Amino acid sequence: MDDIRIAWLGGEHPFRLPLGRLRALQDNCNAGPEEIFKRIRDGSWRVDDLAETLRQGLMGAGMADKDAGPLVIGLMEKHPIADFKMTAYRVLHHALLGPEGDQVGKPGGVDPEAEGPGGSRASTEAEPS
C-alpha cells in the first residue's frame, strides 16, 4: 500500500502502517488496530492511541524513530491532544480500509435484468389456471 501524505500540525509528511508497524502499534497500545480505530472514531481514545499511531505511521513511511518519537511527543506537549485525533484516524483508515473514497468491486453494482445461471422460474410468477 502507498503512503498517505497528510498536512498536520507537524507539517506535511507521508504516513504508512505496514504489517510490522501495525503489530508494533498493537503491542504498544495493548489493543488491535481496529479497536484503536474504533476508539478514535467514537471518542474513547487514549493518548497513546493517537501518539503511537502517528509515530508508527511516520516510521512506516521512512522517518527514523529518533526523529518520529520526539516530533510527535513535542507537538503533543504544545497543542491540545484532540487536535491529533483526525490525523491518527486518517492514518489508520488508510492502513485498514485503503484510500478514502476507494470502492471495492465494479462501479454500478449488480444488473437486476441480467440473467443468472439458475434455471428456476421466478417465485413471483403466477401459477397457470
N, C-alpha and C. Protein backbone atom coordinates (compact mmCIF):
# COMPACT_ATOMS: atom_id res chain seq x y z
N MET A 1 0.84 -1.17 0.00
CA MET A 1 0.00 0.00 0.00
C MET A 1 0.89 1.24 0.00
N ASP A 2 0.45 2.24 -0.70
CA ASP A 2 1.18 3.50 -0.78
C ASP A 2 1.04 4.30 0.50
N ASP A 3 1.96 5.26 0.65
CA ASP A 3 1.87 6.21 1.76
C ASP A 3 0.66 7.11 1.55
N ILE A 4 0.23 7.73 2.64
CA ILE A 4 -0.76 8.80 2.56
C ILE A 4 -0.04 10.06 3.04
N ARG A 5 -0.11 11.13 2.27
CA ARG A 5 0.51 12.40 2.66
C ARG A 5 -0.55 13.24 3.35
N ILE A 6 -0.18 13.70 4.55
CA ILE A 6 -1.13 14.47 5.35
C ILE A 6 -0.45 15.75 5.83
N ALA A 7 -1.15 16.87 5.67
CA ALA A 7 -0.71 18.13 6.27
C ALA A 7 -1.34 18.17 7.66
N TRP A 8 -0.51 18.22 8.67
CA TRP A 8 -0.98 18.19 10.06
C TRP A 8 -0.15 19.19 10.85
N LEU A 9 -0.29 19.19 12.17
CA LEU A 9 0.42 20.17 13.00
C LEU A 9 1.93 20.09 12.87
N GLY A 10 2.45 18.95 12.44
CA GLY A 10 3.90 18.77 12.28
C GLY A 10 4.40 19.13 10.90
N GLY A 11 3.54 19.66 10.05
CA GLY A 11 3.90 19.97 8.67
C GLY A 11 3.23 18.97 7.74
N GLU A 12 3.79 18.77 6.57
CA GLU A 12 3.25 17.76 5.65
C GLU A 12 4.21 16.59 5.62
N HIS A 13 3.68 15.39 5.91
CA HIS A 13 4.51 14.19 5.97
C HIS A 13 3.77 13.00 5.37
N PRO A 14 4.54 12.03 4.87
CA PRO A 14 3.92 10.76 4.48
C PRO A 14 3.75 9.88 5.72
N PHE A 15 2.70 9.09 5.73
CA PHE A 15 2.42 8.13 6.80
C PHE A 15 2.10 6.79 6.14
N ARG A 16 2.50 5.71 6.80
CA ARG A 16 2.14 4.37 6.32
C ARG A 16 2.24 3.40 7.48
N LEU A 17 1.30 2.49 7.56
CA LEU A 17 1.30 1.46 8.60
C LEU A 17 1.31 0.07 7.96
N PRO A 18 2.49 -0.39 7.53
CA PRO A 18 2.56 -1.77 7.03
C PRO A 18 2.39 -2.75 8.19
N LEU A 19 2.34 -4.02 7.90
CA LEU A 19 2.04 -5.04 8.90
C LEU A 19 2.92 -4.95 10.14
N GLY A 20 4.21 -4.78 9.97
CA GLY A 20 5.11 -4.70 11.13
C GLY A 20 4.81 -3.51 12.02
N ARG A 21 4.44 -2.40 11.44
CA ARG A 21 4.10 -1.20 12.22
C ARG A 21 2.74 -1.36 12.88
N LEU A 22 1.81 -2.04 12.23
CA LEU A 22 0.52 -2.33 12.87
C LEU A 22 0.71 -3.22 14.09
N ARG A 23 1.63 -4.20 13.97
CA ARG A 23 1.91 -5.06 15.12
C ARG A 23 2.54 -4.27 16.26
N ALA A 24 3.46 -3.37 15.94
CA ALA A 24 4.08 -2.54 16.97
C ALA A 24 3.03 -1.64 17.63
N LEU A 25 2.14 -1.07 16.84
CA LEU A 25 1.05 -0.25 17.37
C LEU A 25 0.19 -1.07 18.32
N GLN A 26 -0.15 -2.26 17.89
CA GLN A 26 -0.96 -3.17 18.70
C GLN A 26 -0.27 -3.48 20.03
N ASP A 27 1.02 -3.80 19.98
CA ASP A 27 1.77 -4.12 21.20
C ASP A 27 1.88 -2.92 22.13
N ASN A 28 2.15 -1.75 21.56
CA ASN A 28 2.35 -0.55 22.38
C ASN A 28 1.06 0.00 22.98
N CYS A 29 -0.07 -0.30 22.36
CA CYS A 29 -1.36 0.19 22.86
C CYS A 29 -2.20 -0.91 23.51
N ASN A 30 -1.69 -2.13 23.48
CA ASN A 30 -2.41 -3.27 24.06
C ASN A 30 -3.83 -3.39 23.51
N ALA A 31 -3.94 -3.16 22.20
CA ALA A 31 -5.23 -3.26 21.51
C ALA A 31 -4.96 -3.47 20.03
N GLY A 32 -5.86 -4.17 19.36
CA GLY A 32 -5.73 -4.37 17.93
C GLY A 32 -5.96 -3.08 17.16
N PRO A 33 -5.46 -3.01 15.92
CA PRO A 33 -5.62 -1.80 15.11
C PRO A 33 -7.07 -1.37 14.92
N GLU A 34 -7.97 -2.32 14.72
CA GLU A 34 -9.37 -1.92 14.53
C GLU A 34 -9.99 -1.42 15.83
N GLU A 35 -9.58 -1.99 16.95
CA GLU A 35 -10.07 -1.49 18.24
C GLU A 35 -9.60 -0.06 18.46
N ILE A 36 -8.35 0.22 18.14
CA ILE A 36 -7.82 1.58 18.26
C ILE A 36 -8.58 2.51 17.32
N PHE A 37 -8.80 2.06 16.09
CA PHE A 37 -9.55 2.84 15.09
C PHE A 37 -10.94 3.18 15.63
N LYS A 38 -11.63 2.20 16.21
CA LYS A 38 -12.97 2.44 16.76
C LYS A 38 -12.93 3.39 17.95
N ARG A 39 -11.91 3.26 18.80
CA ARG A 39 -11.80 4.17 19.95
C ARG A 39 -11.61 5.60 19.48
N ILE A 40 -10.79 5.78 18.45
CA ILE A 40 -10.58 7.14 17.92
C ILE A 40 -11.89 7.66 17.33
N ARG A 41 -12.56 6.82 16.57
CA ARG A 41 -13.81 7.23 15.91
C ARG A 41 -14.89 7.60 16.91
N ASP A 42 -15.02 6.80 18.00
CA ASP A 42 -16.14 7.05 18.92
C ASP A 42 -15.78 7.94 20.10
N GLY A 43 -14.55 8.43 20.16
CA GLY A 43 -14.18 9.37 21.20
C GLY A 43 -13.70 8.75 22.50
N SER A 44 -13.44 7.45 22.50
CA SER A 44 -12.94 6.80 23.72
C SER A 44 -11.44 6.49 23.62
N TRP A 45 -10.74 7.24 22.78
CA TRP A 45 -9.31 7.03 22.56
C TRP A 45 -8.49 7.36 23.80
N ARG A 46 -7.29 6.83 23.79
CA ARG A 46 -6.30 7.12 24.83
C ARG A 46 -5.18 7.91 24.18
N VAL A 47 -4.42 8.63 24.97
CA VAL A 47 -3.34 9.46 24.43
C VAL A 47 -2.40 8.63 23.55
N ASP A 48 -2.02 7.43 24.03
CA ASP A 48 -1.10 6.61 23.24
C ASP A 48 -1.73 6.07 21.97
N ASP A 49 -3.05 5.97 21.90
CA ASP A 49 -3.69 5.58 20.64
C ASP A 49 -3.31 6.58 19.55
N LEU A 50 -3.35 7.85 19.89
CA LEU A 50 -3.02 8.89 18.92
C LEU A 50 -1.51 8.98 18.70
N ALA A 51 -0.75 9.07 19.79
CA ALA A 51 0.70 9.24 19.69
C ALA A 51 1.36 8.08 18.96
N GLU A 52 0.99 6.86 19.31
CA GLU A 52 1.62 5.69 18.69
C GLU A 52 1.19 5.52 17.24
N THR A 53 -0.05 5.83 16.92
CA THR A 53 -0.49 5.75 15.53
C THR A 53 0.33 6.70 14.67
N LEU A 54 0.53 7.91 15.15
CA LEU A 54 1.30 8.90 14.40
C LEU A 54 2.77 8.51 14.32
N ARG A 55 3.35 8.10 15.43
CA ARG A 55 4.77 7.72 15.46
C ARG A 55 5.03 6.53 14.55
N GLN A 56 4.22 5.48 14.69
CA GLN A 56 4.41 4.29 13.85
C GLN A 56 4.14 4.61 12.38
N GLY A 57 3.18 5.48 12.11
CA GLY A 57 2.88 5.87 10.73
C GLY A 57 4.02 6.63 10.09
N LEU A 58 4.64 7.53 10.83
CA LEU A 58 5.80 8.26 10.31
C LEU A 58 6.96 7.32 10.05
N MET A 59 7.22 6.41 10.98
CA MET A 59 8.32 5.46 10.82
C MET A 59 8.03 4.50 9.66
N GLY A 60 6.78 4.09 9.51
CA GLY A 60 6.42 3.20 8.41
C GLY A 60 6.64 3.83 7.05
N ALA A 61 6.60 5.15 7.00
CA ALA A 61 6.84 5.88 5.75
C ALA A 61 8.30 6.30 5.60
N GLY A 62 9.16 5.88 6.55
CA GLY A 62 10.58 6.12 6.37
C GLY A 62 11.27 7.03 7.37
N MET A 63 10.55 7.69 8.26
CA MET A 63 11.19 8.57 9.24
C MET A 63 11.85 7.72 10.33
N ALA A 64 13.03 8.10 10.74
CA ALA A 64 13.74 7.38 11.80
C ALA A 64 13.02 7.55 13.13
N ASP A 65 13.09 6.51 13.96
CA ASP A 65 12.46 6.56 15.29
C ASP A 65 13.01 7.71 16.11
N LYS A 66 14.31 7.98 15.97
CA LYS A 66 14.93 9.07 16.73
C LYS A 66 14.34 10.43 16.36
N ASP A 67 13.71 10.51 15.19
CA ASP A 67 13.06 11.75 14.76
C ASP A 67 11.54 11.72 14.99
N ALA A 68 10.93 10.57 14.71
CA ALA A 68 9.46 10.46 14.79
C ALA A 68 8.94 10.62 16.21
N GLY A 69 9.55 9.92 17.16
CA GLY A 69 9.09 9.99 18.55
C GLY A 69 9.13 11.40 19.12
N PRO A 70 10.30 12.06 19.07
CA PRO A 70 10.36 13.43 19.59
C PRO A 70 9.46 14.42 18.85
N LEU A 71 9.28 14.23 17.54
CA LEU A 71 8.40 15.13 16.79
C LEU A 71 6.96 15.02 17.33
N VAL A 72 6.46 13.80 17.43
CA VAL A 72 5.08 13.59 17.89
C VAL A 72 4.90 14.06 19.33
N ILE A 73 5.78 13.63 20.21
CA ILE A 73 5.64 14.00 21.63
C ILE A 73 5.81 15.50 21.82
N GLY A 74 6.77 16.09 21.14
CA GLY A 74 6.98 17.53 21.23
C GLY A 74 5.75 18.32 20.81
N LEU A 75 5.13 17.90 19.71
CA LEU A 75 3.92 18.58 19.24
C LEU A 75 2.75 18.37 20.20
N MET A 76 2.64 17.16 20.73
CA MET A 76 1.53 16.87 21.63
C MET A 76 1.66 17.62 22.95
N GLU A 77 2.86 18.00 23.31
CA GLU A 77 3.06 18.79 24.53
C GLU A 77 2.72 20.26 24.30
N LYS A 78 2.69 20.70 23.03
CA LYS A 78 2.44 22.11 22.71
C LYS A 78 1.01 22.40 22.28
N HIS A 79 0.28 21.38 21.86
CA HIS A 79 -1.06 21.57 21.30
C HIS A 79 -2.08 20.72 22.05
N PRO A 80 -3.35 21.08 21.96
CA PRO A 80 -4.39 20.23 22.56
C PRO A 80 -4.33 18.82 21.94
N ILE A 81 -4.40 17.81 22.78
CA ILE A 81 -4.26 16.43 22.32
C ILE A 81 -5.31 16.07 21.27
N ALA A 82 -6.53 16.55 21.45
CA ALA A 82 -7.60 16.23 20.50
C ALA A 82 -7.30 16.74 19.09
N ASP A 83 -6.38 17.69 18.95
CA ASP A 83 -6.01 18.19 17.63
C ASP A 83 -5.34 17.11 16.78
N PHE A 84 -4.92 16.02 17.39
CA PHE A 84 -4.22 14.96 16.67
C PHE A 84 -5.16 13.81 16.29
N LYS A 85 -6.38 13.90 16.74
CA LYS A 85 -7.35 12.81 16.53
C LYS A 85 -7.60 12.55 15.05
N MET A 86 -7.88 13.57 14.28
CA MET A 86 -8.23 13.37 12.87
C MET A 86 -7.07 12.82 12.06
N THR A 87 -5.86 13.27 12.36
CA THR A 87 -4.69 12.75 11.64
C THR A 87 -4.50 11.28 11.94
N ALA A 88 -4.57 10.90 13.20
CA ALA A 88 -4.43 9.48 13.58
C ALA A 88 -5.55 8.65 12.94
N TYR A 89 -6.74 9.17 12.92
CA TYR A 89 -7.87 8.48 12.30
C TYR A 89 -7.60 8.23 10.82
N ARG A 90 -7.13 9.24 10.11
CA ARG A 90 -6.85 9.11 8.67
C ARG A 90 -5.73 8.11 8.40
N VAL A 91 -4.69 8.11 9.25
CA VAL A 91 -3.58 7.17 9.08
C VAL A 91 -4.10 5.74 9.24
N LEU A 92 -4.88 5.48 10.28
CA LEU A 92 -5.42 4.13 10.50
C LEU A 92 -6.44 3.76 9.43
N HIS A 93 -7.28 4.68 9.03
CA HIS A 93 -8.25 4.42 7.97
C HIS A 93 -7.54 3.95 6.72
N HIS A 94 -6.47 4.65 6.35
CA HIS A 94 -5.72 4.31 5.15
C HIS A 94 -5.11 2.90 5.26
N ALA A 95 -4.59 2.56 6.44
CA ALA A 95 -3.97 1.25 6.64
C ALA A 95 -4.99 0.12 6.64
N LEU A 96 -6.14 0.34 7.25
CA LEU A 96 -7.13 -0.72 7.42
C LEU A 96 -8.11 -0.83 6.25
N LEU A 97 -8.49 0.29 5.66
CA LEU A 97 -9.56 0.30 4.66
C LEU A 97 -9.13 0.80 3.30
N GLY A 98 -7.90 1.28 3.18
CA GLY A 98 -7.42 1.81 1.92
C GLY A 98 -7.71 3.29 1.80
N PRO A 99 -7.37 3.85 0.66
CA PRO A 99 -7.58 5.28 0.45
C PRO A 99 -9.05 5.66 0.62
N GLU A 100 -9.28 6.84 1.19
CA GLU A 100 -10.65 7.32 1.37
C GLU A 100 -11.32 7.43 0.01
N GLY A 101 -12.57 6.96 -0.07
CA GLY A 101 -13.31 7.03 -1.32
C GLY A 101 -13.02 5.88 -2.27
N ASP A 102 -12.08 4.99 -1.94
CA ASP A 102 -11.74 3.85 -2.79
C ASP A 102 -12.82 2.79 -2.62
N GLN A 103 -13.49 2.44 -3.71
CA GLN A 103 -14.58 1.49 -3.63
C GLN A 103 -14.15 0.14 -4.19
N VAL A 104 -14.62 -0.91 -3.55
CA VAL A 104 -14.33 -2.26 -3.97
C VAL A 104 -15.36 -2.70 -5.00
N GLY A 105 -14.94 -3.48 -5.98
CA GLY A 105 -15.88 -4.05 -6.95
C GLY A 105 -16.13 -3.16 -8.13
N LYS A 106 -17.05 -3.61 -8.98
CA LYS A 106 -17.38 -2.88 -10.20
C LYS A 106 -18.27 -1.69 -9.88
N PRO A 107 -18.08 -0.59 -10.60
CA PRO A 107 -18.99 0.53 -10.41
C PRO A 107 -20.40 0.14 -10.86
N GLY A 108 -21.40 0.59 -10.15
CA GLY A 108 -22.77 0.37 -10.58
C GLY A 108 -23.46 -0.82 -9.95
N GLY A 109 -22.73 -1.74 -9.38
CA GLY A 109 -23.35 -2.88 -8.71
C GLY A 109 -23.88 -3.92 -9.66
N VAL A 110 -24.82 -4.72 -9.18
CA VAL A 110 -25.38 -5.84 -9.94
C VAL A 110 -26.49 -5.33 -10.85
N ASP A 111 -26.54 -5.89 -12.07
CA ASP A 111 -27.60 -5.56 -13.02
C ASP A 111 -28.77 -6.49 -12.75
N PRO A 112 -29.90 -5.98 -12.24
CA PRO A 112 -31.03 -6.84 -11.90
C PRO A 112 -31.67 -7.50 -13.12
N GLU A 113 -31.44 -6.97 -14.32
CA GLU A 113 -32.02 -7.52 -15.55
C GLU A 113 -31.16 -8.63 -16.14
N ALA A 114 -29.94 -8.77 -15.68
CA ALA A 114 -29.05 -9.79 -16.23
C ALA A 114 -29.55 -11.17 -15.83
N GLU A 115 -29.48 -12.10 -16.78
CA GLU A 115 -29.91 -13.46 -16.48
C GLU A 115 -28.81 -14.16 -15.72
N GLY A 116 -29.19 -14.83 -14.69
CA GLY A 116 -28.24 -15.56 -13.88
C GLY A 116 -28.12 -17.00 -14.35
N PRO A 117 -27.27 -17.78 -13.71
CA PRO A 117 -27.05 -19.16 -14.11
C PRO A 117 -28.15 -20.11 -13.68
N GLY A 118 -29.07 -19.69 -12.83
CA GLY A 118 -30.13 -20.58 -12.33
C GLY A 118 -31.18 -20.87 -13.38
N GLY A 119 -31.81 -22.04 -13.31
CA GLY A 119 -32.83 -22.41 -14.27
C GLY A 119 -34.22 -22.40 -13.68
N SER A 120 -34.39 -21.98 -12.46
CA SER A 120 -35.70 -21.99 -11.81
C SER A 120 -36.55 -20.83 -12.29
N ARG A 121 -37.86 -21.06 -12.26
CA ARG A 121 -38.78 -19.96 -12.55
C ARG A 121 -38.74 -18.97 -11.40
N ALA A 122 -39.03 -17.74 -11.68
CA ALA A 122 -39.10 -16.74 -10.63
C ALA A 122 -40.22 -17.10 -9.67
N SER A 123 -40.02 -16.87 -8.40
CA SER A 123 -41.02 -17.24 -7.39
C SER A 123 -42.25 -16.35 -7.44
N THR A 124 -42.22 -15.27 -8.19
CA THR A 124 -43.37 -14.37 -8.26
C THR A 124 -44.25 -14.63 -9.47
N GLU A 125 -43.89 -15.62 -10.31
CA GLU A 125 -44.73 -15.91 -11.47
C GLU A 125 -46.03 -16.54 -11.00
N ALA A 126 -47.12 -16.18 -11.65
CA ALA A 126 -48.44 -16.74 -11.32
C ALA A 126 -48.53 -18.17 -11.82
N GLU A 127 -49.20 -19.00 -11.07
CA GLU A 127 -49.43 -20.39 -11.46
C GLU A 127 -50.45 -20.41 -12.59
N PRO A 128 -50.32 -21.36 -13.54
CA PRO A 128 -51.34 -21.46 -14.59
C PRO A 128 -52.70 -21.85 -13.99
N SER A 129 -53.80 -21.34 -14.57
CA SER A 129 -55.12 -21.67 -14.03
C SER A 129 -55.81 -22.73 -14.82
